[in-house]
Amino acid sequence: MARLSVFNSPLLLGFDQFERALDRVTKATADGYPPYNVEQRGADAIRITLAVAGFTMDDLSVQIEDNQLVIRGKQVEEKERVYLHRGIAARQFQRSFVLADGIEVAGAWLENGLLNVDLARRPSEQRIKRVEIRRPNGSSNGKAGNNE
């Protein structure tokens, strides 16, 4: 059975990367650990906050991998402790967020068991480029091809 795509229009060219991003998002695990918030902080600012109680800065990593923000946590198992009850597991996690072009990580910090990652959108540049039309033999039409 053929798969229908949102980007199947002949007027939308080169949007394969968006389709792949949608596939990644839909295939992401439904694991709710660690819980997180995504907060709009202005027209061009977003904050992601993850509840990472028990993790230290050395246990956490924040990376950009192919337009994807990947946050990982891995705690070292302390063998010398003897637990009578263990309700707080030393659990590793990976949480991924697909980023649009122009979104950059502005900073990250750990405070009171919460990992905050601020994202900012770069101002986009409007570009206009003139494309020279050539004759079939490769010569130009006689006019100078200026980029505007």
Protein backbone atom coordinates (compact mmCIF):
# COMPACT_ATOMS: atom_id res chain seq x y z
CA MET A 1 0.00 0.00 0.00
CA ALA A 2 1.40 3.38 -0.98
CA ARG A 3 1.98 5.80 1.86
CA LEU A 4 0.32 9.19 1.60
CA SER A 5 2.53 12.14 2.35
CA VAL A 6 1.73 15.67 3.38
CA PHE A 7 4.55 16.78 1.07
CA ASN A 8 3.24 14.85 -1.97
CA SER A 9 2.37 18.00 -3.93
CA PRO A 10 4.40 18.74 -7.08
CA LEU A 11 4.62 22.34 -5.82
CA LEU A 12 6.57 21.31 -2.70
CA LEU A 13 10.06 20.39 -3.91
CA GLY A 14 12.94 19.29 -1.70
CA PHE A 15 10.93 18.78 1.49
CA ASP A 16 12.15 15.20 2.00
CA GLN A 17 14.01 16.23 5.17
CA PHE A 18 10.73 17.40 6.74
CA GLU A 19 9.10 14.09 5.92
CA ARG A 20 12.00 12.24 7.54
CA ALA A 21 11.72 14.49 10.60
CA LEU A 22 8.02 13.67 10.90
CA ASP A 23 8.85 9.97 10.66
CA ARG A 24 11.40 10.32 13.49
CA VAL A 25 8.90 12.13 15.69
CA THR A 26 6.17 9.55 15.15
CA LYS A 27 8.57 6.67 15.82
CA ALA A 28 9.87 8.24 19.05
CA THR A 29 9.24 6.18 22.12
CA ALA A 30 6.23 6.92 24.25
CA ASP A 31 8.40 6.63 27.36
CA GLY A 32 7.48 9.46 29.70
CA TYR A 33 10.84 9.54 31.50
CA PRO A 34 12.05 12.05 32.33
CA PRO A 35 9.03 14.33 32.38
CA TYR A 36 9.56 17.64 30.59
CA ASN A 37 7.97 20.98 29.74
CA VAL A 38 8.31 23.01 26.55
CA GLU A 39 7.71 26.70 27.19
CA GLN A 40 7.38 29.61 24.77
CA ARG A 41 9.55 32.42 26.20
CA GLY A 42 9.01 35.05 23.52
CA ALA A 43 8.56 35.32 19.79
CA ASP A 44 11.93 33.68 19.10
CA ALA A 45 12.72 31.81 22.32
CA ILE A 46 11.78 28.37 23.70
CA ARG A 47 12.81 26.68 26.95
CA ILE A 48 12.80 22.93 27.47
CA THR A 49 12.85 21.86 31.13
CA LEU A 50 13.47 18.24 32.13
CA ALA A 51 12.97 16.89 35.66
CA VAL A 52 16.28 15.09 36.31
CA ALA A 53 16.34 14.72 40.08
CA GLY A 54 19.41 12.82 41.27
CA PHE A 55 21.47 13.56 38.15
CA THR A 56 24.60 15.69 38.33
CA MET A 57 26.07 17.80 35.52
CA ASP A 58 28.57 15.00 34.87
CA ASP A 59 25.68 12.54 34.37
CA LEU A 60 24.02 14.65 31.65
CA SER A 61 24.88 15.58 28.06
CA VAL A 62 23.18 17.96 25.64
CA GLN A 63 24.13 17.63 21.96
CA ILE A 64 22.92 18.67 18.52
CA GLU A 65 22.93 15.75 16.06
CA ASP A 66 21.63 16.44 12.54
CA ASN A 67 19.05 19.11 13.50
CA GLN A 68 18.05 17.07 16.52
CA LEU A 69 18.56 18.13 20.13
CA VAL A 70 19.55 14.98 22.04
CA ILE A 71 19.62 15.03 25.84
CA ARG A 72 21.10 11.99 27.57
CA GLY A 73 21.40 11.06 31.20
CA LYS A 74 23.37 8.18 32.69
CA GLN A 75 24.00 7.73 36.38
CA VAL A 76 26.82 5.62 37.74
CA GLU A 77 25.58 2.73 39.85
CA GLU A 78 26.92 3.01 43.40
CA LYS A 79 27.77 -0.55 44.41
CA GLU A 80 28.73 0.22 48.00
CA ARG A 81 25.19 1.29 49.01
CA VAL A 82 22.77 -1.19 50.55
CA TYR A 83 19.15 -0.23 49.94
CA LEU A 84 16.31 -1.39 52.18
CA HIS A 85 13.92 0.12 49.63
CA ARG A 86 14.83 1.54 46.26
CA GLY A 87 12.16 3.76 44.73
CA ILE A 88 14.56 6.12 42.93
CA ALA A 89 16.23 4.12 40.20
CA ALA A 90 19.60 5.02 38.67
CA ARG A 91 18.01 5.05 35.25
CA GLN A 92 19.53 6.21 32.00
CA PHE A 93 17.51 8.10 29.41
CA GLN A 94 17.64 9.74 26.02
CA ARG A 95 15.18 12.44 25.02
CA SER A 96 15.24 13.87 21.47
CA PHE A 97 13.66 16.98 19.97
CA VAL A 98 13.68 17.71 16.23
CA LEU A 99 14.76 21.31 15.60
CA ALA A 100 13.69 23.44 12.65
CA ASP A 101 16.36 25.15 10.58
CA GLY A 102 17.52 28.32 12.29
CA ILE A 103 16.89 27.08 15.85
CA GLU A 104 20.04 27.09 18.00
CA VAL A 105 20.80 26.16 21.60
CA ALA A 106 21.36 29.39 23.50
CA GLY A 107 22.37 27.71 26.76
CA ALA A 108 21.73 24.93 29.26
CA TRP A 109 21.92 24.78 33.06
CA LEU A 110 21.02 22.47 35.92
CA GLU A 111 19.22 23.95 38.92
CA ASN A 112 17.24 22.28 41.73
CA GLY A 113 16.90 18.97 39.85
CA LEU A 114 15.72 20.66 36.64
CA LEU A 115 17.74 20.75 33.44
CA ASN A 116 16.85 23.85 31.43
CA VAL A 117 17.78 24.19 27.75
CA ASP A 118 17.09 27.52 26.06
CA LEU A 119 16.58 27.60 22.31
CA ALA A 120 16.60 30.70 20.10
CA ARG A 121 15.56 31.28 16.52
CA ARG A 122 18.12 33.11 14.39
CA PRO A 123 16.68 36.03 12.48
CA SER A 124 16.09 34.83 8.93
CA GLU A 125 17.59 36.66 6.01
CA GLN A 126 15.38 37.41 3.07
CA ARG A 127 17.26 36.55 -0.11
CA ILE A 128 16.49 37.46 -3.67
CA LYS A 129 18.64 36.01 -6.41
CA ARG A 130 18.25 36.57 -10.10
CA VAL A 131 18.77 33.51 -12.29
CA GLU A 132 20.18 34.17 -15.74
CA ILE A 133 18.30 32.58 -18.63
CA ARG A 134 20.67 31.05 -21.20
CA ARG A 135 20.19 30.06 -24.81
CA PRO A 136 20.20 26.33 -25.60
CA ASN A 137 23.85 26.43 -26.79
CA GLY A 138 24.96 27.79 -23.39
CA SER A 139 25.57 31.39 -24.36
CA SER A 140 23.80 34.12 -22.41
CA ASN A 141 21.15 36.37 -23.82
CA GLY A 142 23.61 39.27 -23.96
CA LYS A 143 22.52 40.90 -20.73
CA ALA A 144 24.73 40.92 -17.69
CA GLY A 145 23.47 38.49 -15.02
CA ASN A 146 23.53 40.60 -11.87
CA ASN A 147 22.48 39.14 -8.56
CA GLU A 148 20.05 41.38 -6.75
